[in-house]
């Protein structure tokens, strides 16, 4: 049987749900902007260069690190 989440666990569930919604919205908006930009040329895009993908990965890791730091208590 599942139990009702306690007040201490409730904020975690809310954080996960907010992260899921924000991530999905960000991904959808990114895909929309990518396809809109690619459709301006009138043909399907070629593959994305590896250097571009690495730059995006590093930017995403930096963003995740900043989000993780925001969860720490200030001294």
Protein backbone atom coordinates (compact mmCIF):
# COMPACT_ATOMS: atom_id res chain seq x y z
CA UNK A 1 0.00 0.00 0.00
CA UNK A 2 1.23 3.46 -0.76
CA UNK A 3 1.31 5.97 2.01
CA UNK A 4 0.63 9.68 1.76
CA UNK A 5 3.89 11.59 1.45
CA UNK A 6 4.93 13.44 4.55
CA UNK A 7 5.57 17.18 4.55
CA UNK A 8 9.29 16.43 4.37
CA UNK A 9 8.88 14.29 1.22
CA UNK A 10 6.24 16.46 -0.42
CA UNK A 11 8.67 19.20 -1.43
CA UNK A 12 10.86 16.62 -3.17
CA UNK A 13 7.94 15.35 -5.24
CA UNK A 14 7.00 18.92 -6.14
CA UNK A 15 10.59 19.67 -7.19
CA UNK A 16 10.66 16.58 -9.42
CA UNK A 17 7.36 17.49 -11.02
CA UNK A 18 8.48 21.08 -11.62
CA UNK A 19 11.76 19.83 -13.11
CA UNK A 20 9.91 17.40 -15.35
CA UNK A 21 7.57 20.12 -16.61
CA UNK A 22 10.32 22.67 -17.10
CA UNK A 23 12.56 20.14 -18.87
CA UNK A 24 9.77 19.05 -21.20
CA UNK A 25 8.83 22.65 -21.99
CA UNK A 26 12.48 23.57 -22.61
CA UNK A 27 12.98 20.53 -24.85
CA UNK A 28 9.84 21.22 -26.83
CA UNK A 29 10.73 24.89 -27.30
CA UNK A 30 14.27 23.93 -28.34
CA UNK A 31 12.97 21.44 -30.91
CA UNK A 32 10.54 24.03 -32.26
CA UNK A 33 13.25 26.67 -32.64
CA UNK A 34 15.63 24.14 -34.24
CA UNK A 35 13.07 22.99 -36.79
CA UNK A 36 11.94 26.54 -37.51
CA UNK A 37 15.50 27.65 -38.13
CA UNK A 38 16.22 24.60 -40.28
CA UNK A 39 13.07 25.07 -42.34
CA UNK A 40 14.18 28.57 -43.38
CA UNK A 41 16.68 26.93 -45.75
CA UNK A 42 13.91 24.94 -47.44
CA UNK A 43 15.58 21.54 -47.01
CA UNK A 44 16.08 19.11 -44.12
CA UNK A 45 19.18 19.85 -42.05
CA UNK A 46 22.35 17.82 -42.36
CA UNK A 47 23.78 16.31 -39.21
CA UNK A 48 24.68 18.66 -36.38
CA UNK A 49 28.46 19.12 -36.07
CA UNK A 50 30.13 17.35 -33.16
CA UNK A 51 31.66 20.61 -31.94
CA UNK A 52 28.18 22.14 -31.66
CA UNK A 53 26.91 19.14 -29.70
CA UNK A 54 29.91 19.29 -27.34
CA UNK A 55 29.34 22.99 -26.75
CA UNK A 56 25.68 22.36 -25.96
CA UNK A 57 26.61 19.51 -23.60
CA UNK A 58 29.08 21.70 -21.70
CA UNK A 59 26.50 24.48 -21.43
CA UNK A 60 23.92 21.99 -20.12
CA UNK A 61 26.39 20.65 -17.54
CA UNK A 62 27.13 24.19 -16.38
CA UNK A 63 23.43 24.90 -16.01
CA UNK A 64 22.90 21.70 -14.00
CA UNK A 65 25.80 22.62 -11.73
CA UNK A 66 24.29 26.05 -11.06
CA UNK A 67 20.92 24.45 -10.29
CA UNK A 68 22.58 22.00 -7.88
CA UNK A 69 24.39 24.86 -6.13
CA UNK A 70 21.11 26.73 -5.74
CA UNK A 71 19.83 23.89 -3.55
CA UNK A 72 22.60 24.27 -0.99
CA UNK A 73 22.04 26.17 2.22
CA UNK A 74 23.64 29.58 2.41
CA UNK A 75 26.05 30.07 5.28
